[in-house]
PDB file of all heavy atoms in Angstrom:
ATOM      1  N   ALA A   1      -9.349   6.213  -5.598  1.00  0.00           N
ATOM      2  CA  ALA A   1      -9.382   5.246  -4.506  1.00  0.00           C
ATOM      3  C   ALA A   1      -8.122   4.426  -4.508  1.00  0.00           C
ATOM      4  O   ALA A   1      -7.595   4.025  -5.543  1.00  0.00           O
ATOM      5  CB  ALA A   1     -10.602   4.331  -4.667  1.00  0.00           C
ATOM      6  N   ALA A   2      -7.600   4.168  -3.295  1.00  0.00           N
ATOM      7  CA  ALA A   2      -6.350   3.424  -3.164  1.00  0.00           C
ATOM      8  C   ALA A   2      -6.410   2.063  -3.821  1.00  0.00           C
ATOM      9  O   ALA A   2      -5.442   1.563  -4.426  1.00  0.00           O
ATOM     10  CB  ALA A   2      -5.945   3.314  -1.693  1.00  0.00           C
ATOM     11  N   LYS A   3      -7.594   1.415  -3.716  1.00  0.00           N
ATOM     12  CA  LYS A   3      -7.713   0.056  -4.268  1.00  0.00           C
ATOM     13  C   LYS A   3      -7.596   0.089  -5.793  1.00  0.00           C
ATOM     14  O   LYS A   3      -7.245  -0.948  -6.413  1.00  0.00           O
ATOM     15  CB  LYS A   3      -9.025  -0.571  -3.868  1.00  0.00           C
ATOM     16  CG  LYS A   3     -10.270   0.127  -4.396  1.00  0.00           C
ATOM     17  CD  LYS A   3     -11.545  -0.587  -3.950  1.00  0.00           C
ATOM     18  CE  LYS A   3     -12.780   0.098  -4.492  1.00  0.00           C
ATOM     19  NZ  LYS A   3     -14.045  -0.581  -4.041  1.00  0.00           N
ATOM     20  N   SER A   4      -7.881   1.244  -6.392  1.00  0.00           N
ATOM     21  CA  SER A   4      -7.775   1.369  -7.859  1.00  0.00           C
ATOM     22  C   SER A   4      -6.401   1.790  -8.312  1.00  0.00           C
ATOM     23  O   SER A   4      -6.104   1.751  -9.529  1.00  0.00           O
ATOM     24  CB  SER A   4      -8.832   2.391  -8.375  1.00  0.00           C
ATOM     25  OG  SER A   4     -10.141   2.005  -8.004  1.00  0.00           O
ATOM     26  N   SER A   5      -5.561   2.220  -7.391  1.00  0.00           N
ATOM     27  CA  SER A   5      -4.243   2.746  -7.774  1.00  0.00           C
ATOM     28  C   SER A   5      -3.125   2.190  -6.889  1.00  0.00           C
ATOM     29  O   SER A   5      -2.433   1.238  -7.317  1.00  0.00           O
ATOM     30  CB  SER A   5      -4.290   4.270  -7.701  1.00  0.00           C
ATOM     31  OG  SER A   5      -4.792   4.727  -6.444  1.00  0.00           O
ATOM     32  N   TYR A   6      -2.981   2.736  -5.719  1.00  0.00           N
ATOM     33  CA  TYR A   6      -1.796   2.377  -4.879  1.00  0.00           C
ATOM     34  C   TYR A   6      -1.874   0.951  -4.333  1.00  0.00           C
ATOM     35  O   TYR A   6      -0.852   0.401  -3.885  1.00  0.00           O
ATOM     36  CB  TYR A   6      -1.644   3.368  -3.736  1.00  0.00           C
ATOM     37  CG  TYR A   6      -1.379   4.804  -4.270  1.00  0.00           C
ATOM     38  CD1 TYR A   6      -2.336   5.777  -4.151  1.00  0.00           C
ATOM     39  CD2 TYR A   6      -0.177   5.117  -4.898  1.00  0.00           C
ATOM     40  CE1 TYR A   6      -2.137   7.056  -4.623  1.00  0.00           C
ATOM     41  CE2 TYR A   6       0.056   6.399  -5.364  1.00  0.00           C
ATOM     42  CZ  TYR A   6      -0.925   7.359  -5.232  1.00  0.00           C
ATOM     43  OH  TYR A   6      -0.724   8.636  -5.717  1.00  0.00           O
ATOM     44  N   LEU A   7      -3.032   0.343  -4.379  1.00  0.00           N
ATOM     45  CA  LEU A   7      -3.142  -1.075  -3.998  1.00  0.00           C
ATOM     46  C   LEU A   7      -3.327  -1.975  -5.208  1.00  0.00           C
ATOM     47  O   LEU A   7      -3.514  -3.187  -5.041  1.00  0.00           O
ATOM     48  CB  LEU A   7      -4.336  -1.255  -3.018  1.00  0.00           C
ATOM     49  CG  LEU A   7      -4.196  -0.562  -1.678  1.00  0.00           C
ATOM     50  CD1 LEU A   7      -5.462  -0.751  -0.841  1.00  0.00           C
ATOM     51  CD2 LEU A   7      -3.004  -1.150  -0.886  1.00  0.00           C
ATOM     52  N   ASN A   8      -3.243  -1.432  -6.390  1.00  0.00           N
ATOM     53  CA  ASN A   8      -3.397  -2.186  -7.618  1.00  0.00           C
ATOM     54  C   ASN A   8      -2.039  -2.809  -7.978  1.00  0.00           C
ATOM     55  O   ASN A   8      -1.221  -2.218  -8.677  1.00  0.00           O
ATOM     56  CB  ASN A   8      -3.899  -1.271  -8.739  1.00  0.00           C
ATOM     57  CG  ASN A   8      -4.246  -2.049  -9.972  1.00  0.00           C
ATOM     58  OD1 ASN A   8      -3.738  -3.144 -10.270  1.00  0.00           O
ATOM     59  ND2 ASN A   8      -5.159  -1.489 -10.802  1.00  0.00           N
ATOM     60  N   GLN A   9      -1.844  -4.024  -7.499  1.00  0.00           N
ATOM     61  CA  GLN A   9      -0.527  -4.667  -7.624  1.00  0.00           C
ATOM     62  C   GLN A   9      -0.084  -4.842  -9.097  1.00  0.00           C
ATOM     63  O   GLN A   9       1.059  -4.572  -9.434  1.00  0.00           O
ATOM     64  CB  GLN A   9      -0.560  -6.068  -6.959  1.00  0.00           C
ATOM     65  CG  GLN A   9      -0.853  -6.012  -5.468  1.00  0.00           C
ATOM     66  CD  GLN A   9      -0.797  -7.361  -4.828  1.00  0.00           C
ATOM     67  OE1 GLN A   9      -0.115  -8.265  -5.309  1.00  0.00           O
ATOM     68  NE2 GLN A   9      -1.529  -7.559  -3.745  1.00  0.00           N
ATOM     69  N   HIS A  10      -1.012  -5.246  -9.920  1.00  0.00           N
ATOM     70  CA  HIS A  10      -0.637  -5.525 -11.319  1.00  0.00           C
ATOM     71  C   HIS A  10      -0.302  -4.227 -12.068  1.00  0.00           C
ATOM     72  O   HIS A  10       0.580  -4.221 -12.939  1.00  0.00           O
ATOM     73  CB  HIS A  10      -1.761  -6.303 -12.014  1.00  0.00           C
ATOM     74  CG  HIS A  10      -1.885  -7.698 -11.490  1.00  0.00           C
ATOM     75  ND1 HIS A  10      -1.019  -8.732 -11.817  1.00  0.00           N
ATOM     76  CD2 HIS A  10      -2.796  -8.247 -10.599  1.00  0.00           C
ATOM     77  CE1 HIS A  10      -1.382  -9.817 -11.170  1.00  0.00           C
ATOM     78  NE2 HIS A  10      -2.443  -9.555 -10.438  1.00  0.00           N
ATOM     79  N   ALA A  11      -0.993  -3.149 -11.721  1.00  0.00           N
ATOM     80  CA  ALA A  11      -0.726  -1.891 -12.377  1.00  0.00           C
ATOM     81  C   ALA A  11       0.655  -1.398 -11.993  1.00  0.00           C
ATOM     82  O   ALA A  11       1.417  -0.843 -12.828  1.00  0.00           O
ATOM     83  CB  ALA A  11      -1.787  -0.843 -12.005  1.00  0.00           C
ATOM     84  N   ILE A  12       1.014  -1.585 -10.721  1.00  0.00           N
ATOM     85  CA  ILE A  12       2.343  -1.172 -10.230  1.00  0.00           C
ATOM     86  C   ILE A  12       3.438  -2.013 -10.884  1.00  0.00           C
ATOM     87  O   ILE A  12       4.466  -1.473 -11.359  1.00  0.00           O
ATOM     88  CB  ILE A  12       2.385  -1.271  -8.692  1.00  0.00           C
ATOM     89  CG1 ILE A  12       1.470  -0.229  -8.073  1.00  0.00           C
ATOM     90  CG2 ILE A  12       3.833  -1.092  -8.201  1.00  0.00           C
ATOM     91  CD1 ILE A  12       1.265  -0.382  -6.568  1.00  0.00           C
ATOM     92  N   ILE A  13       3.255  -3.311 -10.951  1.00  0.00           N
ATOM     93  CA  ILE A  13       4.245  -4.178 -11.570  1.00  0.00           C
ATOM     94  C   ILE A  13       4.410  -3.840 -13.063  1.00  0.00           C
ATOM     95  O   ILE A  13       5.516  -3.771 -13.583  1.00  0.00           O
ATOM     96  CB  ILE A  13       3.874  -5.660 -11.396  1.00  0.00           C
ATOM     97  CG1 ILE A  13       3.986  -6.062  -9.931  1.00  0.00           C
ATOM     98  CG2 ILE A  13       4.747  -6.553 -12.262  1.00  0.00           C
ATOM     99  CD1 ILE A  13       5.402  -6.082  -9.383  1.00  0.00           C
ATOM    100  N   THR A  14       3.271  -3.597 -13.713  1.00  0.00           N
ATOM    101  CA  THR A  14       3.303  -3.248 -15.141  1.00  0.00           C
ATOM    102  C   THR A  14       4.112  -1.969 -15.363  1.00  0.00           C
ATOM    103  O   THR A  14       4.936  -1.879 -16.312  1.00  0.00           O
ATOM    104  CB  THR A  14       1.896  -3.071 -15.696  1.00  0.00           C
ATOM    105  OG1 THR A  14       1.190  -4.306 -15.563  1.00  0.00           O
ATOM    106  CG2 THR A  14       1.917  -2.659 -17.159  1.00  0.00           C
ATOM    107  N   ALA A  15       3.880  -0.965 -14.482  1.00  0.00           N
ATOM    108  CA  ALA A  15       4.636   0.296 -14.588  1.00  0.00           C
ATOM    109  C   ALA A  15       6.118   0.079 -14.387  1.00  0.00           C
ATOM    110  O   ALA A  15       6.945   0.659 -15.100  1.00  0.00           O
ATOM    111  CB  ALA A  15       4.106   1.282 -13.539  1.00  0.00           C
ATOM    112  N   ALA A  16       6.468  -0.786 -13.440  1.00  0.00           N
ATOM    113  CA  ALA A  16       7.905  -1.092 -13.166  1.00  0.00           C
ATOM    114  C   ALA A  16       8.534  -1.708 -14.387  1.00  0.00           C
ATOM    115  O   ALA A  16       9.661  -1.354 -14.790  1.00  0.00           O
ATOM    116  CB  ALA A  16       8.029  -1.985 -11.956  1.00  0.00           C
ATOM    117  N   ILE A  17       7.851  -2.697 -14.979  1.00  0.00           N
ATOM    118  CA  ILE A  17       8.404  -3.405 -16.140  1.00  0.00           C
ATOM    119  C   ILE A  17       8.536  -2.464 -17.334  1.00  0.00           C
ATOM    120  O   ILE A  17       9.590  -2.424 -18.012  1.00  0.00           O
ATOM    121  CB  ILE A  17       7.536  -4.630 -16.491  1.00  0.00           C
ATOM    122  CG1 ILE A  17       7.617  -5.669 -15.358  1.00  0.00           C
ATOM    123  CG2 ILE A  17       7.962  -5.216 -17.823  1.00  0.00           C
ATOM    124  CD1 ILE A  17       6.648  -6.811 -15.534  1.00  0.00           C
ATOM    125  N   GLU A  18       7.499  -1.669 -17.581  1.00  0.00           N
ATOM    126  CA  GLU A  18       7.515  -0.728 -18.728  1.00  0.00           C
ATOM    127  C   GLU A  18       8.627   0.294 -18.612  1.00  0.00           C
ATOM    128  O   GLU A  18       9.232   0.690 -19.612  1.00  0.00           O
ATOM    129  CB  GLU A  18       6.146  -0.067 -18.864  1.00  0.00           C
ATOM    130  CG  GLU A  18       5.062  -1.011 -19.380  1.00  0.00           C
ATOM    131  CD  GLU A  18       3.752  -0.264 -19.568  1.00  0.00           C
ATOM    132  OE1 GLU A  18       3.632   0.899 -19.129  1.00  0.00           O
ATOM    133  OE2 GLU A  18       2.819  -0.874 -20.148  1.00  0.00           O
ATOM    134  N   LYS A  19       8.900   0.746 -17.388  1.00  0.00           N
ATOM    135  CA  LYS A  19       9.897   1.795 -17.154  1.00  0.00           C
ATOM    136  C   LYS A  19      11.281   1.219 -16.879  1.00  0.00           C
ATOM    137  O   LYS A  19      12.232   1.999 -16.703  1.00  0.00           O
ATOM    138  CB  LYS A  19       9.467   2.701 -16.001  1.00  0.00           C
ATOM    139  CG  LYS A  19       8.212   3.521 -16.320  1.00  0.00           C
ATOM    140  CD  LYS A  19       8.445   4.469 -17.481  1.00  0.00           C
ATOM    141  CE  LYS A  19       7.228   5.353 -17.743  1.00  0.00           C
ATOM    142  NZ  LYS A  19       7.457   6.269 -18.882  1.00  0.00           N
ATOM    143  N   GLY A  20      11.393  -0.083 -16.797  1.00  0.00           N
ATOM    144  CA  GLY A  20      12.718  -0.705 -16.587  1.00  0.00           C
ATOM    145  C   GLY A  20      13.218  -0.582 -15.156  1.00  0.00           C
ATOM    146  O   GLY A  20      14.432  -0.658 -14.894  1.00  0.00           O
ATOM    147  N   ALA A  21      12.311  -0.444 -14.179  1.00  0.00           N
ATOM    148  CA  ALA A  21      12.709  -0.450 -12.771  1.00  0.00           C
ATOM    149  C   ALA A  21      13.065  -1.879 -12.340  1.00  0.00           C
ATOM    150  O   ALA A  21      12.296  -2.792 -12.585  1.00  0.00           O
ATOM    151  CB  ALA A  21      11.600   0.120 -11.886  1.00  0.00           C
ATOM    152  N   VAL A  22      14.183  -2.021 -11.688  1.00  0.00           N
ATOM    153  CA  VAL A  22      14.632  -3.361 -11.281  1.00  0.00           C
ATOM    154  C   VAL A  22      14.303  -3.641  -9.796  1.00  0.00           C
ATOM    155  O   VAL A  22      14.491  -4.769  -9.336  1.00  0.00           O
ATOM    156  CB  VAL A  22      16.144  -3.512 -11.497  1.00  0.00           C
ATOM    157  CG1 VAL A  22      16.466  -3.466 -12.966  1.00  0.00           C
ATOM    158  CG2 VAL A  22      16.934  -2.467 -10.731  1.00  0.00           C
ATOM    159  N   ALA A  23      13.805  -2.639  -9.076  1.00  0.00           N
ATOM    160  CA  ALA A  23      13.453  -2.812  -7.665  1.00  0.00           C
ATOM    161  C   ALA A  23      12.253  -1.901  -7.373  1.00  0.00           C
ATOM    162  O   ALA A  23      12.025  -0.891  -8.011  1.00  0.00           O
ATOM    163  CB  ALA A  23      14.619  -2.490  -6.737  1.00  0.00           C
ATOM    164  N   ILE A  24      11.513  -2.316  -6.327  1.00  0.00           N
ATOM    165  CA  ILE A  24      10.379  -1.522  -5.862  1.00  0.00           C
ATOM    166  C   ILE A  24      10.492  -1.250  -4.383  1.00  0.00           C
ATOM    167  O   ILE A  24      10.715  -2.190  -3.601  1.00  0.00           O
ATOM    168  CB  ILE A  24       9.035  -2.230  -6.171  1.00  0.00           C
ATOM    169  CG1 ILE A  24       8.763  -2.309  -7.666  1.00  0.00           C
ATOM    170  CG2 ILE A  24       7.862  -1.580  -5.446  1.00  0.00           C
ATOM    171  CD1 ILE A  24       7.469  -3.037  -8.029  1.00  0.00           C
ATOM    172  N   HIS A  25      10.376   0.007  -3.989  1.00  0.00           N
ATOM    173  CA  HIS A  25      10.357   0.356  -2.560  1.00  0.00           C
ATOM    174  C   HIS A  25       8.885   0.659  -2.189  1.00  0.00           C
ATOM    175  O   HIS A  25       8.306   1.587  -2.761  1.00  0.00           O
ATOM    176  CB  HIS A  25      11.228   1.582  -2.275  1.00  0.00           C
ATOM    177  CG  HIS A  25      11.564   1.748  -0.830  1.00  0.00           C
ATOM    178  ND1 HIS A  25      10.605   1.730   0.160  1.00  0.00           N
ATOM    179  CD2 HIS A  25      12.761   1.891  -0.172  1.00  0.00           C
ATOM    180  CE1 HIS A  25      11.136   1.878   1.346  1.00  0.00           C
ATOM    181  NE2 HIS A  25      12.472   1.970   1.161  1.00  0.00           N
ATOM    182  N   PRO A  26       8.323  -0.088  -1.243  1.00  0.00           N
ATOM    183  CA  PRO A  26       6.896   0.111  -0.925  1.00  0.00           C
ATOM    184  C   PRO A  26       6.631   1.164   0.141  1.00  0.00           C
ATOM    185  O   PRO A  26       5.450   1.446   0.410  1.00  0.00           O
ATOM    186  CB  PRO A  26       6.514  -1.279  -0.391  1.00  0.00           C
ATOM    187  CG  PRO A  26       7.756  -1.731   0.300  1.00  0.00           C
ATOM    188  CD  PRO A  26       8.907  -1.215  -0.494  1.00  0.00           C
ATOM    189  N   GLY A  27       7.675   1.738   0.750  1.00  0.00           N
ATOM    190  CA  GLY A  27       7.448   2.737   1.781  1.00  0.00           C
ATOM    191  C   GLY A  27       6.811   2.101   3.014  1.00  0.00           C
ATOM    192  O   GLY A  27       7.228   1.038   3.455  1.00  0.00           O
ATOM    193  N   TYR A  28       5.797   2.781   3.582  1.00  0.00           N
ATOM    194  CA  TYR A  28       5.040   2.186   4.702  1.00  0.00           C
ATOM    195  C   TYR A  28       3.546   2.222   4.335  1.00  0.00           C
ATOM    196  O   TYR A  28       3.117   2.935   3.457  1.00  0.00           O
ATOM    197  CB  TYR A  28       5.305   2.918   6.021  1.00  0.00           C
ATOM    198  CG  TYR A  28       5.049   4.408   6.005  1.00  0.00           C
ATOM    199  CD1 TYR A  28       3.777   4.949   5.894  1.00  0.00           C
ATOM    200  CD2 TYR A  28       6.130   5.297   6.077  1.00  0.00           C
ATOM    201  CE1 TYR A  28       3.558   6.310   5.885  1.00  0.00           C
ATOM    202  CE2 TYR A  28       5.897   6.697   6.084  1.00  0.00           C
ATOM    203  CZ  TYR A  28       4.638   7.163   5.973  1.00  0.00           C
ATOM    204  OH  TYR A  28       4.406   8.536   5.959  1.00  0.00           O
ATOM    205  N   GLY A  29       2.758   1.418   5.028  1.00  0.00           N
ATOM    206  CA  GLY A  29       1.338   1.309   4.697  1.00  0.00           C
ATOM    207  C   GLY A  29       1.145   0.676   3.328  1.00  0.00           C
ATOM    208  O   GLY A  29       2.064   0.044   2.758  1.00  0.00           O
ATOM    209  N   LEU A  30      -0.036   0.816   2.756  1.00  0.00           N
ATOM    210  CA  LEU A  30      -0.382   0.308   1.433  1.00  0.00           C
ATOM    211  C   LEU A  30       0.135  -1.136   1.252  1.00  0.00           C
ATOM    212  O   LEU A  30      -0.303  -2.020   1.938  1.00  0.00           O
ATOM    213  CB  LEU A  30       0.156   1.278   0.383  1.00  0.00           C
ATOM    214  CG  LEU A  30      -0.453   2.689   0.440  1.00  0.00           C
ATOM    215  CD1 LEU A  30       0.233   3.643  -0.556  1.00  0.00           C
ATOM    216  CD2 LEU A  30      -1.962   2.651   0.154  1.00  0.00           C
ATOM    217  N   LEU A  31       1.083  -1.367   0.331  1.00  0.00           N
ATOM    218  CA  LEU A  31       1.521  -2.730   0.020  1.00  0.00           C
ATOM    219  C   LEU A  31       2.821  -3.130   0.741  1.00  0.00           C
ATOM    220  O   LEU A  31       3.391  -4.164   0.465  1.00  0.00           O
ATOM    221  CB  LEU A  31       1.723  -2.869  -1.485  1.00  0.00           C
ATOM    222  CG  LEU A  31       0.469  -2.742  -2.347  1.00  0.00           C
ATOM    223  CD1 LEU A  31       0.858  -2.715  -3.828  1.00  0.00           C
ATOM    224  CD2 LEU A  31      -0.498  -3.893  -2.068  1.00  0.00           C
ATOM    225  N   SER A  32       3.251  -2.311   1.710  1.00  0.00           N
ATOM    226  CA  SER A  32       4.565  -2.561   2.344  1.00  0.00           C
ATOM    227  C   SER A  32       4.632  -3.852   3.149  1.00  0.00           C
ATOM    228  O   SER A  32       5.719  -4.436   3.283  1.00  0.00           O
ATOM    229  CB  SER A  32       4.914  -1.391   3.259  1.00  0.00           C
ATOM    230  OG  SER A  32       3.973  -1.271   4.342  1.00  0.00           O
ATOM    231  N   GLU A  33       3.504  -4.343   3.652  1.00  0.00           N
ATOM    232  CA  GLU A  33       3.525  -5.621   4.392  1.00  0.00           C
ATOM    233  C   GLU A  33       2.604  -6.619   3.724  1.00  0.00           C
ATOM    234  O   GLU A  33       1.997  -7.458   4.379  1.00  0.00           O
ATOM    235  CB  GLU A  33       3.086  -5.365   5.836  1.00  0.00           C
ATOM    236  CG  GLU A  33       4.113  -4.532   6.616  1.00  0.00           C
ATOM    237  CD  GLU A  33       3.697  -4.296   8.052  1.00  0.00           C
ATOM    238  OE1 GLU A  33       2.788  -3.467   8.286  1.00  0.00           O
ATOM    239  OE2 GLU A  33       4.318  -4.922   8.960  1.00  0.00           O
ATOM    240  N   ASN A  34       2.514  -6.546   2.412  1.00  0.00           N
ATOM    241  CA  ASN A  34       1.683  -7.453   1.638  1.00  0.00           C
ATOM    242  C   ASN A  34       2.567  -8.519   1.043  1.00  0.00           C
ATOM    243  O   ASN A  34       3.294  -8.295   0.072  1.00  0.00           O
ATOM    244  CB  ASN A  34       0.954  -6.668   0.564  1.00  0.00           C
ATOM    245  CG  ASN A  34      -0.109  -7.481  -0.152  1.00  0.00           C
ATOM    246  OD1 ASN A  34       0.174  -8.546  -0.653  1.00  0.00           O
ATOM    247  ND2 ASN A  34      -1.336  -6.974  -0.168  1.00  0.00           N
ATOM    248  N   ALA A  35       2.449  -9.747   1.591  1.00  0.00           N
ATOM    249  CA  ALA A  35       3.319 -10.846   1.148  1.00  0.00           C
ATOM    250  C   ALA A  35       3.036 -11.217  -0.294  1.00  0.00           C
ATOM    251  O   ALA A  35       3.970 -11.576  -1.044  1.00  0.00           O
ATOM    252  CB  ALA A  35       3.141 -12.034   2.048  1.00  0.00           C
ATOM    253  N   SER A  36       1.778 -11.139  -0.732  1.00  0.00           N
ATOM    254  CA  SER A  36       1.457 -11.513  -2.107  1.00  0.00           C
ATOM    255  C   SER A  36       2.084 -10.580  -3.094  1.00  0.00           C
ATOM    256  O   SER A  36       2.526 -10.974  -4.193  1.00  0.00           O
ATOM    257  CB  SER A  36      -0.056 -11.560  -2.321  1.00  0.00           C
ATOM    258  OG  SER A  36      -0.624 -10.267  -2.199  1.00  0.00           O
TER     259      SER A  36
END
């Protein structure tokens, strides 16, 4: 389910930090227009 994965903000941020990503591209849909 998207809410468990692609909409899971903290899981995405954690993955970025663990892998050393300095930027995130959200594409379209999902979190692309999510201000929080």
